[in-house]
């Protein structure tokens, strides 16, 4: 969503959100909910949004819910990060939340396996919801873990390619690249050196380049992080070696790691007006759907193009896919008002008007099929690219793990070592990293 540094949230929360209590310690699951959802009651909803426009959009959705459910009042508490959320869920008590939301999809494995979020199966069965018919498959996948569904998606994020149409025209590039080979050629055409720096860089490939992180790159290759036995697959699946080899060659072709890092250090904040794509310092950018509105608000001096990121050369039939993530909602297992909490959660995550209005207000991608296809969705221009990516059958997100994002962080750390030349042997490095991932997961069980 606009203004939320999702990767920064992910990195911080992956270490902060260490839920250790089991289901029996945190409270009853949905099967034990006994409150009457038709009785007059007040429930508490905690969320992480803080920008005025986002808070306003939440309040408008809550007002619609309260009008449809006049017996349920909702006390809203905003600007709650995952650390505060974790503390409240562990502490329990009457001052805690009944309904919660988080920006960190990578921690669903922790939420579900530890019982930090209530099991939603009884609520879903009681409401007779066919989630497969309501919600796109990747979003369903990142809200459950090992058969336990403890969350539902509340809006999504889809990642694609932003490009400077003026720079493309000047470089003689007619269309956005569909394959990684085409992408590398375009990146080189768009790069203009200036002394030991750049007048314009075609693309910032380094793993510290904001959204150019390992899992976002990997989404454009067919890949599997784990094998059928649950062991890390990164050393066995050739897609990972292909991605790292490609990325490192692109780093070299565009000037080398050190030159690129010096240039990267001149960039403005990712969430400010001086973002390097918005200033014209880079001609292409991997980013989420929110960048379009932010770039327009920043008053960019060029025409913006959007497209899916390219795919592996031998997977061109999958062009159009992308990385997906998003906000998730859950029910606090210690809540004594779980049935009422479910009514709010069901409304915000499956009611088409609620999903569409919220998506329009904060410029996120809807998380239901009906909302994605709704005539009321403001999906004109470049934003439609991300709506289409969200519905692509091959769009994907990293699988949930019992220790959250730890395996992604471990692989990302390897990427830093490899691109900088500190690790020379790719095959051996991936094997060592896979072994570390397996040890960490085993220790977390």
Protein backbone atom coordinates (compact mmCIF):
# COMPACT_ATOMS: atom_id res chain seq x y z
CA UNK A 1 0.00 0.00 0.00
CA UNK A 2 1.16 3.60 -0.48
CA UNK A 3 3.60 4.73 2.16
CA UNK A 4 4.20 1.32 3.73
CA UNK A 5 7.79 0.06 3.27
CA UNK A 6 6.70 -3.54 2.99
CA UNK A 7 10.16 -5.06 2.78
CA UNK A 8 11.31 -3.03 5.76
CA UNK A 9 8.26 -4.14 7.72
CA UNK A 10 8.97 -7.73 6.71
CA UNK A 11 12.59 -7.58 7.82
CA UNK A 12 11.80 -6.02 11.17
CA UNK A 13 8.84 -8.22 11.90
CA UNK A 14 10.59 -11.44 10.98
CA UNK A 15 12.79 -11.04 14.03
CA UNK A 16 10.39 -9.21 16.30
CA UNK A 17 7.34 -11.39 15.87
CA UNK A 18 8.40 -14.50 17.75
CA UNK A 19 5.12 -15.95 18.88
CA UNK A 20 5.80 -18.90 21.13
CA UNK A 21 2.50 -19.61 22.82
CA UNK A 22 0.53 -22.60 21.60
CA UNK A 23 -3.16 -22.63 20.85
CA UNK A 24 -3.98 -23.88 24.28
CA UNK A 25 -2.15 -20.93 25.86
CA UNK A 26 -3.54 -18.15 23.71
CA UNK A 27 -7.22 -18.93 24.00
CA UNK A 28 -10.02 -20.74 22.26
CA UNK A 29 -10.05 -21.38 18.55
CA UNK A 30 -13.07 -20.69 16.37
CA UNK A 31 -14.72 -23.98 17.29
CA UNK A 32 -15.06 -22.76 20.86
CA UNK A 33 -16.59 -19.37 20.06
CA UNK A 34 -19.82 -18.98 22.05
CA UNK A 35 -20.75 -15.31 21.76
CA UNK A 36 -23.94 -14.28 19.98
CA UNK A 37 -23.01 -12.26 16.86
CA UNK A 38 -26.49 -10.70 16.90
CA UNK A 39 -26.15 -9.34 20.42
CA UNK A 40 -25.22 -5.74 21.07
CA UNK A 41 -21.46 -5.63 21.50
CA UNK A 42 -18.27 -3.68 20.85
CA UNK A 43 -15.24 -5.29 19.27
CA UNK A 44 -11.73 -3.89 18.86
CA UNK A 45 -9.87 -3.87 15.55
CA UNK A 46 -6.12 -3.22 15.41
CA UNK A 47 -4.44 -2.25 12.14
CA UNK A 48 -1.13 -0.81 10.98
CA UNK A 49 -2.20 2.07 8.74
CA UNK A 50 -1.19 5.55 9.83
CA UNK A 51 -1.37 7.97 6.87
CA UNK A 52 -4.46 10.24 7.11
CA UNK A 53 -5.97 9.01 3.83
CA UNK A 54 -5.52 5.40 4.87
CA UNK A 55 -7.02 5.94 8.32
CA UNK A 56 -9.97 7.74 6.71
CA UNK A 57 -10.52 4.81 4.33
CA UNK A 58 -10.56 2.37 7.25
CA UNK A 59 -13.11 4.49 9.12
CA UNK A 60 -15.35 4.67 6.05
CA UNK A 61 -15.30 0.90 5.72
CA UNK A 62 -16.05 0.46 9.41
CA UNK A 63 -18.97 2.90 9.09
CA UNK A 64 -20.43 0.79 6.26
CA UNK A 65 -20.02 -2.34 8.36
CA UNK A 66 -21.71 -0.78 11.40
CA UNK A 67 -24.62 0.34 9.21
CA UNK A 68 -25.03 -3.24 7.95
CA UNK A 69 -24.54 -4.67 11.47
CA UNK A 70 -26.14 -2.08 13.81
CA UNK A 71 -25.65 -4.31 16.85
CA UNK A 72 -21.83 -4.36 16.49
CA UNK A 73 -19.71 -1.31 17.24
CA UNK A 74 -16.06 -1.33 16.27
CA UNK A 75 -13.33 0.39 18.24
CA UNK A 76 -10.47 1.03 15.82
CA UNK A 77 -6.84 1.33 16.90
CA UNK A 78 -4.36 2.24 14.16
CA UNK A 79 -0.60 2.43 13.65
CA UNK A 80 -0.06 -0.98 15.32
CA UNK A 81 3.10 -2.72 14.17
CA UNK A 82 3.66 -6.46 14.44
CA UNK A 83 5.75 -6.09 17.58
CA UNK A 84 2.86 -4.42 19.46
CA UNK A 85 0.47 -6.92 17.97
CA UNK A 86 2.56 -9.85 19.14
CA UNK A 87 2.78 -8.50 22.68
CA UNK A 88 -0.99 -8.04 22.87
CA UNK A 89 -1.75 -11.49 21.51
CA UNK A 90 0.59 -13.08 24.02
CA UNK A 91 -0.71 -11.03 26.95
CA UNK A 92 -4.42 -11.49 26.28
CA UNK A 93 -6.88 -9.65 28.49
CA UNK A 94 -9.86 -7.39 27.88
CA UNK A 95 -7.74 -4.54 26.52
CA UNK A 96 -6.44 -6.62 23.63
CA UNK A 97 -7.81 -6.73 20.07
CA UNK A 98 -10.56 -8.98 18.73
CA UNK A 99 -9.66 -8.54 15.06
CA UNK A 100 -6.13 -7.86 13.84
CA UNK A 101 -4.34 -7.08 10.61
CA UNK A 102 -0.72 -7.35 9.56
CA UNK A 103 1.32 -6.31 6.54
CA UNK A 104 3.65 -9.28 6.96
CA UNK A 105 2.49 -12.23 4.86
CA UNK A 106 5.78 -14.03 5.51
CA UNK A 107 4.84 -14.57 9.15
CA UNK A 108 1.65 -16.52 8.45
CA UNK A 109 3.54 -19.75 9.18
CA UNK A 110 4.26 -18.46 12.68
CA UNK A 111 0.75 -17.11 13.20
CA UNK A 112 -0.90 -20.39 12.21
CA UNK A 113 1.50 -22.92 13.74
CA UNK A 114 1.77 -21.16 17.10
CA UNK A 115 -1.94 -20.41 17.53
CA UNK A 116 -1.29 -16.66 17.58
CA UNK A 117 -4.24 -16.29 15.17
CA UNK A 118 -7.39 -18.37 15.65
CA UNK A 119 -8.17 -21.22 13.26
CA UNK A 120 -10.77 -19.88 10.84
CA UNK A 121 -12.06 -23.22 9.56
CA UNK A 122 -15.16 -23.36 11.83
CA UNK A 123 -16.16 -19.80 10.86
CA UNK A 124 -15.66 -20.42 7.14
CA UNK A 125 -17.68 -23.67 7.27
CA UNK A 126 -20.46 -22.04 9.27
CA UNK A 127 -20.67 -19.19 6.72
CA UNK A 128 -20.48 -21.68 3.83
CA UNK A 129 -17.79 -19.68 2.06
CA UNK A 130 -16.18 -21.28 -1.00
CA UNK A 131 -12.86 -19.48 -0.75
CA UNK A 132 -11.51 -21.03 -3.97
CA UNK A 133 -14.31 -19.28 -5.84
CA UNK A 134 -13.83 -15.99 -3.99
CA UNK A 135 -10.07 -15.37 -3.64
CA UNK A 136 -7.17 -15.83 -6.10
CA UNK A 137 -5.04 -18.90 -5.39
CA UNK A 138 -1.74 -17.14 -4.46
CA UNK A 139 -3.56 -15.02 -1.89
CA UNK A 140 -5.20 -18.10 -0.42
CA UNK A 141 -1.79 -19.76 -0.23
CA UNK A 142 -0.11 -16.98 1.73
CA UNK A 143 -2.88 -16.93 4.35
CA UNK A 144 -2.61 -20.56 5.48
CA UNK A 145 0.10 -22.94 6.67
CA UNK A 146 0.22 -26.73 6.53
CA UNK A 147 -3.54 -27.02 6.20
CA UNK A 148 -4.41 -24.47 8.89
CA UNK A 149 -6.12 -21.32 7.71
CA UNK A 150 -5.65 -18.61 10.31
CA UNK A 151 -5.91 -15.54 8.07
CA UNK A 152 -7.66 -14.06 5.06
CA UNK A 153 -6.25 -11.49 2.63
CA UNK A 154 -7.33 -7.86 2.97
CA UNK A 155 -6.18 -6.22 -0.26
CA UNK A 156 -3.04 -7.26 -2.06
CA UNK A 157 0.16 -5.95 -3.55
CA UNK A 158 1.30 -6.94 -7.02
CA UNK A 159 4.79 -6.18 -8.29
CA UNK A 160 5.66 -5.26 -11.85
CA UNK A 161 7.86 -3.09 -14.04
CA UNK A 162 7.74 0.70 -14.16
CA UNK A 163 9.49 2.33 -17.09
CA UNK A 164 10.20 5.84 -18.30
CA UNK A 165 8.45 6.07 -21.67
CA UNK A 166 10.43 9.15 -22.66
CA UNK A 167 13.71 7.35 -21.98
CA UNK A 168 12.46 4.32 -23.94
CA UNK A 169 11.64 6.50 -26.94
CA UNK A 170 15.03 8.21 -26.81
CA UNK A 171 16.74 4.81 -26.72
CA UNK A 172 14.65 3.48 -29.60
CA UNK A 173 12.90 0.86 -27.45
CA UNK A 174 9.38 0.23 -28.72
CA UNK A 175 7.89 -2.10 -26.09
CA UNK A 176 8.68 -3.24 -22.55
CA UNK A 177 10.85 -6.38 -22.38
CA UNK A 178 9.18 -9.77 -21.97
CA UNK A 179 12.26 -11.92 -21.30
CA UNK A 180 15.29 -11.41 -19.06
CA UNK A 181 17.55 -11.33 -22.13
CA UNK A 182 15.51 -8.49 -23.61
CA UNK A 183 15.51 -6.77 -20.24
CA UNK A 184 19.32 -6.83 -20.00
CA UNK A 185 19.64 -5.43 -23.52
CA UNK A 186 17.20 -2.61 -22.72
CA UNK A 187 18.90 -1.83 -19.41
CA UNK A 188 22.21 -1.39 -21.22
CA UNK A 189 20.65 0.79 -23.94
CA UNK A 190 19.10 3.02 -21.28
CA UNK A 191 22.31 3.45 -19.28
CA UNK A 192 24.31 6.63 -19.80
CA UNK A 193 27.63 6.93 -17.99
CA UNK A 194 28.90 10.20 -16.57
CA UNK A 195 32.50 9.98 -15.42
CA UNK A 196 32.66 7.26 -12.78
CA UNK A 197 28.90 7.51 -12.25
CA UNK A 198 25.75 7.75 -14.38
CA UNK A 199 23.68 10.41 -16.05
CA UNK A 200 20.98 7.73 -16.23
CA UNK A 201 20.96 4.08 -15.17
CA UNK A 202 18.77 1.65 -17.05
CA UNK A 203 17.97 -0.40 -13.94
CA UNK A 204 19.42 -0.81 -10.44
CA UNK A 205 20.03 -4.59 -10.20
CA UNK A 206 21.76 -4.70 -6.79
CA UNK A 207 19.96 -6.55 -4.01
CA UNK A 208 19.92 -3.39 -1.88
CA UNK A 209 18.13 -1.56 -4.69
CA UNK A 210 14.86 -1.17 -2.80
CA UNK A 211 12.51 -3.80 -4.26
CA UNK A 212 15.17 -5.69 -6.24
CA UNK A 213 15.36 -8.43 -3.63
CA UNK A 214 15.78 -12.16 -4.10
CA UNK A 215 12.16 -13.23 -3.72
CA UNK A 216 10.94 -10.58 -6.15
CA UNK A 217 13.45 -11.69 -8.78
CA UNK A 218 12.63 -15.36 -8.17
CA UNK A 219 8.93 -14.83 -8.80
CA UNK A 220 9.76 -14.49 -12.51
CA UNK A 221 11.33 -17.95 -12.72
CA UNK A 222 9.51 -21.24 -12.18
CA UNK A 223 10.97 -22.33 -8.85
CA UNK A 224 10.37 -24.22 -5.61
CA UNK A 225 11.90 -23.05 -2.32
CA UNK A 226 11.28 -26.44 -0.66
CA UNK A 227 11.06 -30.03 -1.86
CA UNK A 228 8.20 -32.40 -1.04
CA UNK A 229 9.83 -33.39 2.24
CA UNK A 230 10.05 -29.75 3.38
CA UNK A 231 13.81 -29.43 2.90
CA UNK A 232 15.33 -26.36 1.29
CA UNK A 233 15.46 -26.81 -2.48
CA UNK A 234 17.55 -23.81 -3.44
CA UNK A 235 20.71 -25.80 -4.16
CA UNK A 236 18.85 -28.44 -6.22
CA UNK A 237 16.40 -26.32 -8.22
CA UNK A 238 18.39 -24.84 -11.16
CA UNK A 239 16.15 -21.75 -11.23
CA UNK A 240 17.95 -20.29 -8.20
CA UNK A 241 21.41 -20.65 -9.75
CA UNK A 242 20.04 -19.19 -12.99
CA UNK A 243 18.64 -16.15 -11.20
CA UNK A 244 21.82 -15.45 -9.22
CA UNK A 245 23.97 -15.94 -12.33
CA UNK A 246 21.75 -13.59 -14.35
CA UNK A 247 21.63 -10.93 -11.65
CA UNK A 248 25.39 -10.93 -11.16
CA UNK A 249 26.03 -10.68 -14.90
CA UNK A 250 23.59 -7.76 -15.10
CA UNK A 251 25.47 -6.07 -12.26
CA UNK A 252 28.69 -6.48 -14.24
CA UNK A 253 27.18 -5.34 -17.54
CA UNK A 254 25.83 -2.14 -15.99
CA UNK A 255 29.13 -1.02 -14.49
CA UNK A 256 30.00 -3.40 -11.69
CA UNK A 257 29.00 -3.75 -8.07
CA UNK A 258 31.09 -0.90 -6.62
CA UNK A 259 30.08 1.67 -9.24
CA UNK A 260 26.42 0.73 -8.86
CA UNK A 261 26.63 0.91 -5.06
CA UNK A 262 28.16 4.40 -5.19
CA UNK A 263 25.32 5.51 -7.44
CA UNK A 264 22.72 3.81 -5.24
CA UNK A 265 23.97 5.83 -2.29
CA UNK A 266 22.86 9.00 -4.10
CA UNK A 267 19.23 7.85 -4.23
CA UNK A 268 16.49 9.48 -2.22
CA UNK A 269 14.26 7.66 0.24
CA UNK A 270 12.16 4.86 -1.23
CA UNK A 271 8.98 6.41 0.15
CA UNK A 272 9.73 10.05 -0.63
CA UNK A 273 9.46 12.31 -3.66
CA UNK A 274 13.15 11.78 -4.50
CA UNK A 275 12.79 8.10 -5.31
CA UNK A 276 15.30 7.40 -8.15
CA UNK A 277 12.64 6.36 -10.65
CA UNK A 278 10.67 9.52 -9.95
CA UNK A 279 13.75 11.73 -10.38
CA UNK A 280 14.78 10.00 -13.61
CA UNK A 281 17.98 8.55 -12.14
CA UNK A 282 16.85 5.08 -13.20
CA UNK A 283 14.75 4.37 -16.29
CA UNK A 284 13.22 1.08 -15.12
CA UNK A 285 12.08 0.05 -11.65
CA UNK A 286 10.69 -3.13 -10.09
CA UNK A 287 7.98 -1.99 -7.68
CA UNK A 288 4.48 -2.47 -6.33
CA UNK A 289 1.23 -0.94 -7.52
CA UNK A 290 1.48 1.93 -5.04
CA UNK A 291 4.44 3.47 -6.92
CA UNK A 292 2.13 4.75 -9.67
CA UNK A 293 0.21 7.05 -7.36
CA UNK A 294 3.35 8.12 -5.50
CA UNK A 295 5.14 8.99 -8.75
CA UNK A 296 2.16 10.95 -10.01
CA UNK A 297 1.90 12.80 -6.71
CA UNK A 298 5.61 13.62 -6.97
CA UNK A 299 4.95 15.37 -10.30
CA UNK A 300 7.31 13.35 -12.49
CA UNK A 301 8.40 15.07 -15.69
CA UNK A 302 7.98 12.04 -17.96
CA UNK A 303 5.26 9.61 -19.05
CA UNK A 304 5.14 6.46 -16.92
CA UNK A 305 4.69 3.01 -18.41
CA UNK A 306 3.79 -0.14 -16.49
CA UNK A 307 4.14 -3.79 -17.48
CA UNK A 308 4.75 -7.17 -15.89
CA UNK A 309 8.35 -7.97 -15.05
CA UNK A 310 10.09 -10.17 -17.65
CA UNK A 311 10.30 -13.94 -17.31
CA UNK A 312 12.97 -16.55 -18.02
CA UNK A 313 13.68 -16.86 -21.74
CA UNK A 314 12.22 -20.38 -21.93
CA UNK A 315 9.11 -19.44 -19.92
CA UNK A 316 7.74 -16.67 -22.13
CA UNK A 317 4.32 -18.34 -22.09
CA UNK A 318 4.10 -17.28 -18.42
CA UNK A 319 4.72 -13.60 -19.14
CA UNK A 320 2.24 -11.53 -17.15
CA UNK A 321 2.89 -13.11 -13.77
CA UNK A 322 4.46 -11.37 -10.80
CA UNK A 323 5.20 -11.36 -7.09
CA UNK A 324 2.19 -11.01 -4.79
CA UNK A 325 1.86 -10.11 -1.13
CA UNK A 326 -0.59 -8.06 0.90
CA UNK A 327 -2.32 -7.29 4.16
CA UNK A 328 -3.76 -10.18 6.16
CA UNK A 329 -6.53 -10.30 8.77
CA UNK A 330 -6.99 -12.67 11.67
CA UNK A 331 -8.96 -13.15 14.88
CA UNK A 332 -7.31 -13.00 18.29
CA UNK A 333 -7.71 -16.48 19.82
CA UNK A 334 -8.21 -15.07 23.33
CA UNK A 335 -11.10 -12.86 22.17
CA UNK A 336 -14.42 -13.60 23.87
CA UNK A 337 -16.27 -12.09 20.91
CA UNK A 338 -14.96 -14.24 18.08
CA UNK A 339 -18.27 -14.67 16.27
CA UNK A 340 -18.78 -10.90 16.15
CA UNK A 341 -15.13 -10.50 15.16
CA UNK A 342 -15.70 -12.92 12.29
CA UNK A 343 -18.59 -10.80 11.01
CA UNK A 344 -16.22 -7.83 10.66
CA UNK A 345 -13.46 -9.92 9.15
CA UNK A 346 -15.82 -11.60 6.66
CA UNK A 347 -17.22 -8.23 5.64
CA UNK A 348 -13.85 -6.54 5.09
CA UNK A 349 -12.31 -9.46 3.21
CA UNK A 350 -15.19 -10.81 1.09
CA UNK A 351 -17.81 -8.06 0.64
CA UNK A 352 -17.26 -6.68 -2.86
CA UNK A 353 -18.28 -3.10 -2.05
CA UNK A 354 -16.03 -3.07 1.02
CA UNK A 355 -13.03 -4.49 -0.84
CA UNK A 356 -13.45 -2.23 -3.88
CA UNK A 357 -13.97 0.98 -1.93
CA UNK A 358 -10.96 0.26 0.28
CA UNK A 359 -8.79 -0.63 -2.73
CA UNK A 360 -9.80 2.57 -4.50
CA UNK A 361 -9.07 4.65 -1.42
CA UNK A 362 -5.55 3.39 -0.70
CA UNK A 363 -4.55 2.32 -4.24
CA UNK A 364 -4.01 -1.36 -3.46
CA UNK A 365 -5.01 -4.38 -5.50
CA UNK A 366 -8.32 -6.04 -4.50
CA UNK A 367 -8.13 -9.53 -3.02
CA UNK A 368 -11.32 -11.12 -4.40
CA UNK A 369 -12.28 -12.10 -7.94
CA UNK A 370 -15.49 -10.07 -7.87
CA UNK A 371 -13.68 -6.96 -6.67
CA UNK A 372 -10.93 -7.36 -9.28
CA UNK A 373 -13.60 -7.47 -11.99
CA UNK A 374 -15.89 -4.84 -10.48
CA UNK A 375 -16.86 -1.92 -12.75
CA UNK A 376 -16.48 0.30 -9.68
CA UNK A 377 -12.78 -0.50 -9.34
CA UNK A 378 -10.60 2.40 -10.48
CA UNK A 379 -8.28 0.31 -12.64
CA UNK A 380 -7.67 2.68 -15.50
CA UNK A 381 -4.29 3.39 -17.06
CA UNK A 382 -1.16 1.86 -15.58
CA UNK A 383 -2.92 0.45 -12.52
CA UNK A 384 -4.68 -2.19 -14.65
CA UNK A 385 -1.30 -3.87 -15.15
CA UNK A 386 -1.21 -4.77 -11.46
CA UNK A 387 -4.84 -5.88 -11.38
CA UNK A 388 -4.00 -8.28 -14.22
CA UNK A 389 -0.84 -9.53 -12.45
CA UNK A 390 -2.90 -10.26 -9.33
CA UNK A 391 -5.18 -12.52 -11.39
CA UNK A 392 -2.46 -14.29 -13.38
CA UNK A 393 -2.49 -18.03 -12.56
CA UNK A 394 1.32 -18.16 -12.31
CA UNK A 395 1.71 -15.18 -9.98
CA UNK A 396 3.26 -16.32 -6.74
CA UNK A 397 4.67 -15.58 -3.31
CA UNK A 398 7.20 -17.45 -1.13
CA UNK A 399 5.66 -20.30 0.87
CA UNK A 400 4.95 -19.89 4.56
CA UNK A 401 7.42 -21.34 7.04
CA UNK A 402 7.25 -22.16 10.73
CA UNK A 403 9.94 -19.54 11.36
CA UNK A 404 8.42 -16.86 9.19
CA UNK A 405 10.73 -14.94 6.85
CA UNK A 406 13.96 -16.34 8.29
CA UNK A 407 14.68 -18.52 5.26
CA UNK A 408 14.12 -15.58 2.92
CA UNK A 409 16.44 -13.40 4.99
CA UNK A 410 19.11 -16.12 4.93
CA UNK A 411 18.88 -16.40 1.15
CA UNK A 412 18.90 -12.63 0.78
CA UNK A 413 22.07 -12.42 2.90
CA UNK A 414 23.68 -14.95 0.57
CA UNK A 415 22.69 -12.73 -2.36
CA UNK A 416 24.57 -9.79 -0.84
CA UNK A 417 27.66 -11.95 -0.43
CA UNK A 418 27.52 -13.36 -3.96
CA UNK A 419 26.85 -10.14 -5.89
CA UNK A 420 29.68 -8.36 -4.07
CA UNK A 421 32.16 -11.13 -4.84
CA UNK A 422 32.67 -12.21 -1.23
CA UNK A 423 31.32 -15.65 -2.18
CA UNK A 424 32.90 -17.03 -5.36
CA UNK A 425 31.44 -20.54 -5.66
CA UNK A 426 27.71 -20.25 -6.39
CA UNK A 427 26.96 -23.97 -6.14
CA UNK A 428 28.77 -24.40 -2.82
CA UNK A 429 27.27 -21.17 -1.48
CA UNK A 430 23.71 -22.28 -2.27
CA UNK A 431 24.33 -25.66 -0.62
CA UNK A 432 25.68 -23.99 2.52
CA UNK A 433 22.70 -21.62 2.57
CA UNK A 434 20.24 -24.50 2.10
CA UNK A 435 21.79 -26.34 5.04
CA UNK A 436 21.44 -23.25 7.21
CA UNK A 437 17.79 -22.84 6.22
CA UNK A 438 17.08 -26.47 7.13
CA UNK A 439 18.80 -26.12 10.52
CA UNK A 440 16.87 -22.94 11.34
CA UNK A 441 13.52 -24.51 10.48
CA UNK A 442 14.27 -27.64 12.47
CA UNK A 443 15.19 -25.54 15.52
CA UNK A 444 11.95 -23.54 15.21
CA UNK A 445 9.71 -26.61 15.31
